[in-house]
Amino acid sequence: MPDTMRIHATVHGFVQGVNFRYYTLRQARILNLHGYVRNRLDGSVEVVAEGDQDALNHLLQWLHGGSPSSTVEGVECEWQEPKGEFRSFEVRL
């Protein structure tokens, strides 16, 4: 599928301890994306997602706003070719 892509995003700000990963999981599943979200040791959140490019754009837009209790200060995103390694979207520890 030519419209299938992958994003590797890092979300900075007050994004840990505010259910950010679980809201991201919900958004990704609604958008039928595959991949994962996890906390990083530096206080940021990492998101790797594959799927339809329009759906990825919606997720990326959502990441800039974040969960209700979070404060997103910035999102770094790299667009990549999909690898097809995921069967679902999950929270990784």
PDB file of N, CA and C in Angstrom:
ATOM      1  N   MET A   1       0.836  -1.192   0.000  1.00  0.00           N
ATOM      2  CA  MET A   1       0.000   0.000   0.000  1.00  0.00           C
ATOM      3  C   MET A   1       0.875   1.248   0.000  1.00  0.00           C
ATOM      4  N   PRO A   2       0.735   2.107  -0.987  1.00  0.00           N
ATOM      5  CA  PRO A   2       1.584   3.297  -1.055  1.00  0.00           C
ATOM      6  C   PRO A   2       1.302   4.317   0.035  1.00  0.00           C
ATOM      7  N   ASP A   3       0.110   4.323   0.630  1.00  0.00           N
ATOM      8  CA  ASP A   3      -0.229   5.303   1.661  1.00  0.00           C
ATOM      9  C   ASP A   3       0.148   4.834   3.062  1.00  0.00           C
ATOM     10  N   THR A   4       0.752   3.653   3.175  1.00  0.00           N
ATOM     11  CA  THR A   4       1.160   3.138   4.472  1.00  0.00           C
ATOM     12  C   THR A   4       2.532   3.690   4.821  1.00  0.00           C
ATOM     13  N   MET A   5       2.644   4.235   6.040  1.00  0.00           N
ATOM     14  CA  MET A   5       3.892   4.840   6.497  1.00  0.00           C
ATOM     15  C   MET A   5       4.130   4.461   7.954  1.00  0.00           C
ATOM     16  N   ARG A   6       5.211   4.990   8.489  1.00  0.00           N
ATOM     17  CA  ARG A   6       5.592   4.755   9.884  1.00  0.00           C
ATOM     18  C   ARG A   6       6.077   6.085  10.460  1.00  0.00           C
ATOM     19  N   ILE A   7       5.694   6.355  11.707  1.00  0.00           N
ATOM     20  CA  ILE A   7       6.254   7.500  12.412  1.00  0.00           C
ATOM     21  C   ILE A   7       6.984   7.014  13.658  1.00  0.00           C
ATOM     22  N   HIS A   8       8.051   7.713  13.987  1.00  0.00           N
ATOM     23  CA  HIS A   8       8.767   7.507  15.245  1.00  0.00           C
ATOM     24  C   HIS A   8       8.789   8.878  15.910  1.00  0.00           C
ATOM     25  N   ALA A   9       7.971   9.024  16.940  1.00  0.00           N
ATOM     26  CA  ALA A   9       7.798  10.330  17.578  1.00  0.00           C
ATOM     27  C   ALA A   9       8.249  10.297  19.030  1.00  0.00           C
ATOM     28  N   THR A  10       8.760  11.430  19.487  1.00  0.00           N
ATOM     29  CA  THR A  10       9.097  11.617  20.886  1.00  0.00           C
ATOM     30  C   THR A  10       8.343  12.847  21.375  1.00  0.00           C
ATOM     31  N   VAL A  11       7.568  12.648  22.440  1.00  0.00           N
ATOM     32  CA  VAL A  11       6.729  13.718  22.978  1.00  0.00           C
ATOM     33  C   VAL A  11       7.367  14.221  24.271  1.00  0.00           C
ATOM     34  N   HIS A  12       7.609  15.524  24.342  1.00  0.00           N
ATOM     35  CA  HIS A  12       8.253  16.152  25.502  1.00  0.00           C
ATOM     36  C   HIS A  12       7.248  16.991  26.274  1.00  0.00           C
ATOM     37  N   GLY A  13       7.488  17.102  27.570  1.00  0.00           N
ATOM     38  CA  GLY A  13       6.638  17.909  28.427  1.00  0.00           C
ATOM     39  C   GLY A  13       6.248  17.119  29.661  1.00  0.00           C
ATOM     40  N   PHE A  14       5.118  17.497  30.243  1.00  0.00           N
ATOM     41  CA  PHE A  14       4.574  16.778  31.396  1.00  0.00           C
ATOM     42  C   PHE A  14       3.675  15.677  30.836  1.00  0.00           C
ATOM     43  N   VAL A  15       4.306  14.545  30.472  1.00  0.00           N
ATOM     44  CA  VAL A  15       3.593  13.482  29.746  1.00  0.00           C
ATOM     45  C   VAL A  15       3.695  12.117  30.418  1.00  0.00           C
ATOM     46  N   GLN A  16       4.315  12.056  31.582  1.00  0.00           N
ATOM     47  CA  GLN A  16       4.362  10.803  32.333  1.00  0.00           C
ATOM     48  C   GLN A  16       3.582  10.961  33.625  1.00  0.00           C
ATOM     49  N   GLY A  17       2.883   9.889  34.017  1.00  0.00           N
ATOM     50  CA  GLY A  17       2.073   9.927  35.228  1.00  0.00           C
ATOM     51  C   GLY A  17       0.736  10.610  35.038  1.00  0.00           C
ATOM     52  N   VAL A  18       0.326  10.810  33.776  1.00  0.00           N
ATOM     53  CA  VAL A  18      -0.939  11.492  33.475  1.00  0.00           C
ATOM     54  C   VAL A  18      -1.784  10.685  32.479  1.00  0.00           C
ATOM     55  N   ASN A  19      -1.534   9.384  32.419  1.00  0.00           N
ATOM     56  CA  ASN A  19      -2.255   8.465  31.521  1.00  0.00           C
ATOM     57  C   ASN A  19      -2.044   8.765  30.037  1.00  0.00           C
ATOM     58  N   PHE A  20      -0.961   9.420  29.714  1.00  0.00           N
ATOM     59  CA  PHE A  20      -0.686   9.763  28.318  1.00  0.00           C
ATOM     60  C   PHE A  20      -0.584   8.524  27.445  1.00  0.00           C
ATOM     61  N   ARG A  21       0.102   7.484  27.938  1.00  0.00           N
ATOM     62  CA  ARG A  21       0.259   6.260  27.143  1.00  0.00           C
ATOM     63  C   ARG A  21      -1.084   5.612  26.847  1.00  0.00           C
ATOM     64  N   TYR A  22      -1.977   5.592  27.816  1.00  0.00           N
ATOM     65  CA  TYR A  22      -3.261   4.916  27.620  1.00  0.00           C
ATOM     66  C   TYR A  22      -4.195   5.704  26.706  1.00  0.00           C
ATOM     67  N   TYR A  23      -4.141   7.016  26.772  1.00  0.00           N
ATOM     68  CA  TYR A  23      -4.902   7.828  25.823  1.00  0.00           C
ATOM     69  C   TYR A  23      -4.338   7.666  24.409  1.00  0.00           C
ATOM     70  N   THR A  24      -3.014   7.565  24.304  1.00  0.00           N
ATOM     71  CA  THR A  24      -2.386   7.337  23.000  1.00  0.00           C
ATOM     72  C   THR A  24      -2.791   5.980  22.454  1.00  0.00           C
ATOM     73  N   LEU A  25      -2.803   4.971  23.296  1.00  0.00           N
ATOM     74  CA  LEU A  25      -3.253   3.632  22.905  1.00  0.00           C
ATOM     75  C   LEU A  25      -4.670   3.692  22.341  1.00  0.00           C
ATOM     76  N   ARG A  26      -5.542   4.380  23.036  1.00  0.00           N
ATOM     77  CA  ARG A  26      -6.939   4.486  22.585  1.00  0.00           C
ATOM     78  C   ARG A  26      -7.028   5.183  21.230  1.00  0.00           C
ATOM     79  N   GLN A  27      -6.299   6.298  21.082  1.00  0.00           N
ATOM     80  CA  GLN A  27      -6.323   7.019  19.810  1.00  0.00           C
ATOM     81  C   GLN A  27      -5.797   6.151  18.670  1.00  0.00           C
ATOM     82  N   ALA A  28      -4.687   5.477  18.903  1.00  0.00           N
ATOM     83  CA  ALA A  28      -4.078   4.645  17.865  1.00  0.00           C
ATOM     84  C   ALA A  28      -5.001   3.519  17.450  1.00  0.00           C
ATOM     85  N   ARG A  29      -5.679   2.925  18.414  1.00  0.00           N
ATOM     86  CA  ARG A  29      -6.605   1.826  18.083  1.00  0.00           C
ATOM     87  C   ARG A  29      -7.822   2.349  17.328  1.00  0.00           C
ATOM     88  N   ILE A  30      -8.322   3.508  17.705  1.00  0.00           N
ATOM     89  CA  ILE A  30      -9.435   4.112  16.964  1.00  0.00           C
ATOM     90  C   ILE A  30      -9.035   4.345  15.509  1.00  0.00           C
ATOM     91  N   LEU A  31      -7.778   4.739  15.303  1.00  0.00           N
ATOM     92  CA  LEU A  31      -7.272   5.040  13.961  1.00  0.00           C
ATOM     93  C   LEU A  31      -6.749   3.808  13.222  1.00  0.00           C
ATOM     94  N   ASN A  32      -6.870   2.640  13.859  1.00  0.00           N
ATOM     95  CA  ASN A  32      -6.444   1.366  13.263  1.00  0.00           C
ATOM     96  C   ASN A  32      -4.943   1.360  12.933  1.00  0.00           C
ATOM     97  N   LEU A  33      -4.149   1.880  13.868  1.00  0.00           N
ATOM     98  CA  LEU A  33      -2.697   1.898  13.700  1.00  0.00           C
ATOM     99  C   LEU A  33      -2.062   0.770  14.492  1.00  0.00           C
ATOM    100  N   HIS A  34      -0.858   0.408  14.117  1.00  0.00           N
ATOM    101  CA  HIS A  34      -0.111  -0.649  14.795  1.00  0.00           C
ATOM    102  C   HIS A  34       1.212  -0.068  15.281  1.00  0.00           C
ATOM    103  N   GLY A  35       1.664  -0.540  16.437  1.00  0.00           N
ATOM    104  CA  GLY A  35       2.930  -0.068  16.978  1.00  0.00           C
ATOM    105  C   GLY A  35       2.916  -0.082  18.487  1.00  0.00           C
ATOM    106  N   TYR A  36       3.555   0.927  19.092  1.00  0.00           N
ATOM    107  CA  TYR A  36       3.617   0.972  20.549  1.00  0.00           C
ATOM    108  C   TYR A  36       3.855   2.395  21.053  1.00  0.00           C
ATOM    109  N   VAL A  37       3.595   2.548  22.345  1.00  0.00           N
ATOM    110  CA  VAL A  37       3.898   3.779  23.066  1.00  0.00           C
ATOM    111  C   VAL A  37       4.582   3.362  24.357  1.00  0.00           C
ATOM    112  N   ARG A  38       5.606   4.113  24.780  1.00  0.00           N
ATOM    113  CA  ARG A  38       6.281   3.792  26.034  1.00  0.00           C
ATOM    114  C   ARG A  38       6.931   5.034  26.630  1.00  0.00           C
ATOM    115  N   ASN A  39       7.074   5.001  27.960  1.00  0.00           N
ATOM    116  CA  ASN A  39       7.789   6.055  28.664  1.00  0.00           C
ATOM    117  C   ASN A  39       9.280   5.868  28.452  1.00  0.00           C
ATOM    118  N   ARG A  40       9.992   6.981  28.388  1.00  0.00           N
ATOM    119  CA  ARG A  40      11.452   6.949  28.293  1.00  0.00           C
ATOM    120  C   ARG A  40      12.044   7.463  29.603  1.00  0.00           C
ATOM    121  N   LEU A  41      13.254   7.070  29.876  1.00  0.00           N
ATOM    122  CA  LEU A  41      13.903   7.450  31.137  1.00  0.00           C
ATOM    123  C   LEU A  41      14.080   8.954  31.287  1.00  0.00           C
ATOM    124  N   ASP A  42      14.144   9.686  30.183  1.00  0.00           N
ATOM    125  CA  ASP A  42      14.343  11.136  30.250  1.00  0.00           C
ATOM    126  C   ASP A  42      13.055  11.917  30.508  1.00  0.00           C
ATOM    127  N   GLY A  43      11.923  11.216  30.728  1.00  0.00           N
ATOM    128  CA  GLY A  43      10.650  11.875  31.016  1.00  0.00           C
ATOM    129  C   GLY A  43       9.769  12.087  29.806  1.00  0.00           C
ATOM    130  N   SER A  44      10.273  11.755  28.634  1.00  0.00           N
ATOM    131  CA  SER A  44       9.470  11.883  27.412  1.00  0.00           C
ATOM    132  C   SER A  44       8.716  10.586  27.146  1.00  0.00           C
ATOM    133  N   VAL A  45       7.899  10.596  26.116  1.00  0.00           N
ATOM    134  CA  VAL A  45       7.155   9.412  25.686  1.00  0.00           C
ATOM    135  C   VAL A  45       7.504   9.144  24.235  1.00  0.00           C
ATOM    136  N   GLU A  46       7.788   7.883  23.937  1.00  0.00           N
ATOM    137  CA  GLU A  46       8.119   7.450  22.580  1.00  0.00           C
ATOM    138  C   GLU A  46       6.912   6.778  21.948  1.00  0.00           C
ATOM    139  N   VAL A  47       6.632   7.120  20.701  1.00  0.00           N
ATOM    140  CA  VAL A  47       5.532   6.518  19.954  1.00  0.00           C
ATOM    141  C   VAL A  47       6.067   6.040  18.605  1.00  0.00           C
ATOM    142  N   VAL A  48       5.846   4.775  18.321  1.00  0.00           N
ATOM    143  CA  VAL A  48       6.145   4.219  17.003  1.00  0.00           C
ATOM    144  C   VAL A  48       4.824   3.673  16.474  1.00  0.00           C
ATOM    145  N   ALA A  49       4.425   4.159  15.313  1.00  0.00           N
ATOM    146  CA  ALA A  49       3.136   3.738  14.757  1.00  0.00           C
ATOM    147  C   ALA A  49       3.243   3.558  13.253  1.00  0.00           C
ATOM    148  N   GLU A  50       2.534   2.547  12.759  1.00  0.00           N
ATOM    149  CA  GLU A  50       2.463   2.287  11.327  1.00  0.00           C
ATOM    150  C   GLU A  50       1.008   2.206  10.912  1.00  0.00           C
ATOM    151  N   GLY A  51       0.760   2.639   9.685  1.00  0.00           N
ATOM    152  CA  GLY A  51      -0.587   2.545   9.148  1.00  0.00           C
ATOM    153  C   GLY A  51      -0.805   3.572   8.056  1.00  0.00           C
ATOM    154  N   ASP A  52      -2.061   3.838   7.802  1.00  0.00           N
ATOM    155  CA  ASP A  52      -2.465   4.799   6.783  1.00  0.00           C
ATOM    156  C   ASP A  52      -1.885   6.182   7.102  1.00  0.00           C
ATOM    157  N   GLN A  53      -1.364   6.836   6.097  1.00  0.00           N
ATOM    158  CA  GLN A  53      -0.715   8.131   6.303  1.00  0.00           C
ATOM    159  C   GLN A  53      -1.667   9.173   6.887  1.00  0.00           C
ATOM    160  N   ASP A  54      -2.919   9.183   6.445  1.00  0.00           N
ATOM    161  CA  ASP A  54      -3.886  10.135   7.005  1.00  0.00           C
ATOM    162  C   ASP A  54      -4.131   9.860   8.491  1.00  0.00           C
ATOM    163  N   ALA A  55      -4.226   8.580   8.856  1.00  0.00           N
ATOM    164  CA  ALA A  55      -4.426   8.204  10.260  1.00  0.00           C
ATOM    165  C   ALA A  55      -3.214   8.615  11.090  1.00  0.00           C
ATOM    166  N   LEU A  56      -2.027   8.434  10.539  1.00  0.00           N
ATOM    167  CA  LEU A  56      -0.810   8.850  11.246  1.00  0.00           C
ATOM    168  C   LEU A  56      -0.780  10.361  11.446  1.00  0.00           C
ATOM    169  N   ASN A  57      -1.226  11.108  10.462  1.00  0.00           N
ATOM    170  CA  ASN A  57      -1.315  12.562  10.615  1.00  0.00           C
ATOM    171  C   ASN A  57      -2.278  12.945  11.729  1.00  0.00           C
ATOM    172  N   HIS A  58      -3.400  12.223  11.836  1.00  0.00           N
ATOM    173  CA  HIS A  58      -4.354  12.480  12.919  1.00  0.00           C
ATOM    174  C   HIS A  58      -3.727  12.172  14.273  1.00  0.00           C
ATOM    175  N   LEU A  59      -3.004  11.046  14.357  1.00  0.00           N
ATOM    176  CA  LEU A  59      -2.342  10.710  15.618  1.00  0.00           C
ATOM    177  C   LEU A  59      -1.303  11.765  15.971  1.00  0.00           C
ATOM    178  N   LEU A  60      -0.527  12.184  15.010  1.00  0.00           N
ATOM    179  CA  LEU A  60       0.494  13.196  15.244  1.00  0.00           C
ATOM    180  C   LEU A  60      -0.134  14.506  15.728  1.00  0.00           C
ATOM    181  N   GLN A  61      -1.240  14.892  15.144  1.00  0.00           N
ATOM    182  CA  GLN A  61      -1.947  16.089  15.594  1.00  0.00           C
ATOM    183  C   GLN A  61      -2.417  15.904  17.036  1.00  0.00           C
ATOM    184  N   TRP A  62      -2.940  14.713  17.342  1.00  0.00           N
ATOM    185  CA  TRP A  62      -3.400  14.433  18.703  1.00  0.00           C
ATOM    186  C   TRP A  62      -2.233  14.503  19.686  1.00  0.00           C
ATOM    187  N   LEU A  63      -1.065  13.970  19.298  1.00  0.00           N
ATOM    188  CA  LEU A  63       0.102  13.983  20.185  1.00  0.00           C
ATOM    189  C   LEU A  63       0.504  15.400  20.583  1.00  0.00           C
ATOM    190  N   HIS A  64       0.300  16.355  19.709  1.00  0.00           N
ATOM    191  CA  HIS A  64       0.632  17.746  20.024  1.00  0.00           C
ATOM    192  C   HIS A  64      -0.275  18.317  21.119  1.00  0.00           C
ATOM    193  N   GLY A  65      -1.474  17.774  21.250  1.00  0.00           N
ATOM    194  CA  GLY A  65      -2.397  18.215  22.301  1.00  0.00           C
ATOM    195  C   GLY A  65      -2.298  17.347  23.544  1.00  0.00           C
ATOM    196  N   GLY A  66      -2.193  16.041  23.331  1.00  0.00           N
ATOM    197  CA  GLY A  66      -2.012  15.096  24.429  1.00  0.00           C
ATOM    198  C   GLY A  66      -3.267  14.790  25.214  1.00  0.00           C
ATOM    199  N   SER A  67      -3.064  14.077  26.304  1.00  0.00           N
ATOM    200  CA  SER A  67      -4.162  13.668  27.179  1.00  0.00           C
ATOM    201  C   SER A  67      -4.642  14.862  28.006  1.00  0.00           C
ATOM    202  N   PRO A  68      -5.828  14.729  28.622  1.00  0.00           N
ATOM    203  CA  PRO A  68      -6.391  15.866  29.361  1.00  0.00           C
ATOM    204  C   PRO A  68      -5.486  16.445  30.452  1.00  0.00           C
ATOM    205  N   SER A  69      -4.714  15.613  31.141  1.00  0.00           N
ATOM    206  CA  SER A  69      -3.885  16.099  32.248  1.00  0.00           C
ATOM    207  C   SER A  69      -2.438  16.383  31.849  1.00  0.00           C
ATOM    208  N   SER A  70      -2.104  16.152  30.591  1.00  0.00           N
ATOM    209  CA  SER A  70      -0.719  16.357  30.158  1.00  0.00           C
ATOM    210  C   SER A  70      -0.494  17.787  29.677  1.00  0.00           C
ATOM    211  N   THR A  71       0.787  18.150  29.605  1.00  0.00           N
ATOM    212  CA  THR A  71       1.194  19.407  29.002  1.00  0.00           C
ATOM    213  C   THR A  71       2.299  19.084  28.007  1.00  0.00           C
ATOM    214  N   VAL A  72       1.974  19.126  26.732  1.00  0.00           N
ATOM    215  CA  VAL A  72       2.941  18.810  25.692  1.00  0.00           C
ATOM    216  C   VAL A  72       3.722  20.073  25.345  1.00  0.00           C
ATOM    217  N   GLU A  73       5.044  19.977  25.455  1.00  0.00           N
ATOM    218  CA  GLU A  73       5.905  21.112  25.129  1.00  0.00           C
ATOM    219  C   GLU A  73       6.476  21.000  23.717  1.00  0.00           C
ATOM    220  N   GLY A  74       6.498  19.798  23.183  1.00  0.00           N
ATOM    221  CA  GLY A  74       7.018  19.614  21.838  1.00  0.00           C
ATOM    222  C   GLY A  74       6.957  18.171  21.402  1.00  0.00           C
ATOM    223  N   VAL A  75       6.915  17.979  20.086  1.00  0.00           N
ATOM    224  CA  VAL A  75       6.896  16.640  19.503  1.00  0.00           C
ATOM    225  C   VAL A  75       7.928  16.598  18.387  1.00  0.00           C
ATOM    226  N   GLU A  76       8.859  15.667  18.502  1.00  0.00           N
ATOM    227  CA  GLU A  76       9.803  15.400  17.423  1.00  0.00           C
ATOM    228  C   GLU A  76       9.259  14.202  16.661  1.00  0.00           C
ATOM    229  N   CYS A  77       9.253  14.269  15.347  1.00  0.00           N
ATOM    230  CA  CYS A  77       8.708  13.164  14.565  1.00  0.00           C
ATOM    231  C   CYS A  77       9.562  12.900  13.338  1.00  0.00           C
ATOM    232  N   GLU A  78       9.822  11.644  13.115  1.00  0.00           N
ATOM    233  CA  GLU A  78      10.539  11.203  11.926  1.00  0.00           C
ATOM    234  C   GLU A  78       9.627  10.250  11.152  1.00  0.00           C
ATOM    235  N   TRP A  79       9.414  10.543   9.872  1.00  0.00           N
ATOM    236  CA  TRP A  79       8.626   9.675   9.000  1.00  0.00           C
ATOM    237  C   TRP A  79       9.565   8.621   8.413  1.00  0.00           C
ATOM    238  N   GLN A  80       9.107   7.373   8.414  1.00  0.00           N
ATOM    239  CA  GLN A  80       9.923   6.263   7.942  1.00  0.00           C
ATOM    240  C   GLN A  80       9.097   5.332   7.068  1.00  0.00           C
ATOM    241  N   GLU A  81       9.794   4.449   6.377  1.00  0.00           N
ATOM    242  CA  GLU A  81       9.125   3.387   5.631  1.00  0.00           C
ATOM    243  C   GLU A  81       8.610   2.360   6.634  1.00  0.00           C
ATOM    244  N   PRO A  82       7.422   1.805   6.426  1.00  0.00           N
ATOM    245  CA  PRO A  82       6.894   0.808   7.363  1.00  0.00           C
ATOM    246  C   PRO A  82       7.686  -0.493   7.288  1.00  0.00           C
ATOM    247  N   LYS A  83       7.764  -1.183   8.412  1.00  0.00           N
ATOM    248  CA  LYS A  83       8.452  -2.471   8.474  1.00  0.00           C
ATOM    249  C   LYS A  83       7.481  -3.639   8.597  1.00  0.00           C
ATOM    250  N   GLY A  84       6.225  -3.353   8.947  1.00  0.00           N
ATOM    251  CA  GLY A  84       5.219  -4.403   9.063  1.00  0.00           C
ATOM    252  C   GLY A  84       5.465  -5.361  10.211  1.00  0.00           C
ATOM    253  N   GLU A  85       6.125  -4.892  11.270  1.00  0.00           N
ATOM    254  CA  GLU A  85       6.483  -5.771  12.379  1.00  0.00           C
ATOM    255  C   GLU A  85       5.433  -5.850  13.486  1.00  0.00           C
ATOM    256  N   PHE A  86       4.399  -5.030  13.425  1.00  0.00           N
ATOM    257  CA  PHE A  86       3.393  -4.980  14.496  1.00  0.00           C
ATOM    258  C   PHE A  86       2.056  -5.551  14.022  1.00  0.00           C
ATOM    259  N   ARG A  87       1.379  -6.214  14.942  1.00  0.00           N
ATOM    260  CA  ARG A  87       0.039  -6.757  14.651  1.00  0.00           C
ATOM    261  C   ARG A  87      -1.060  -5.951  15.333  1.00  0.00           C
ATOM    262  N   SER A  88      -0.673  -5.120  16.307  1.00  0.00           N
ATOM    263  CA  SER A  88      -1.631  -4.308  17.055  1.00  0.00           C
ATOM    264  C   SER A  88      -0.886  -3.092  17.598  1.00  0.00           C
ATOM    265  N   PHE A  89      -1.582  -2.306  18.409  1.00  0.00           N
ATOM    266  CA  PHE A  89      -0.934  -1.186  19.092  1.00  0.00           C
ATOM    267  C   PHE A  89      -0.953  -1.508  20.581  1.00  0.00           C
ATOM    268  N   GLU A  90       0.181  -1.297  21.257  1.00  0.00           N
ATOM    269  CA  GLU A  90       0.286  -1.673  22.653  1.00  0.00           C
ATOM    270  C   GLU A  90       1.076  -0.652  23.467  1.00  0.00           C
ATOM    271  N   VAL A  91       0.906  -0.739  24.772  1.00  0.00           N
ATOM    272  CA  VAL A  91       1.708   0.029  25.706  1.00  0.00           C
ATOM    273  C   VAL A  91       2.867  -0.860  26.112  1.00  0.00           C
ATOM    274  N   ARG A  92       4.074  -0.365  25.945  1.00  0.00           N
ATOM    275  CA  ARG A  92       5.268  -1.101  26.376  1.00  0.00           C
ATOM    276  C   ARG A  92       5.799  -0.469  27.639  1.00  0.00           C
ATOM    277  N   LEU A  93       6.329  -1.316  28.503  1.00  0.00           N
ATOM    278  CA  LEU A  93       6.908  -0.831  29.761  1.00  0.00           C
ATOM    279  C   LEU A  93       8.400  -0.660  29.637  1.00  0.00           C
TER     280      LEU A  93
END
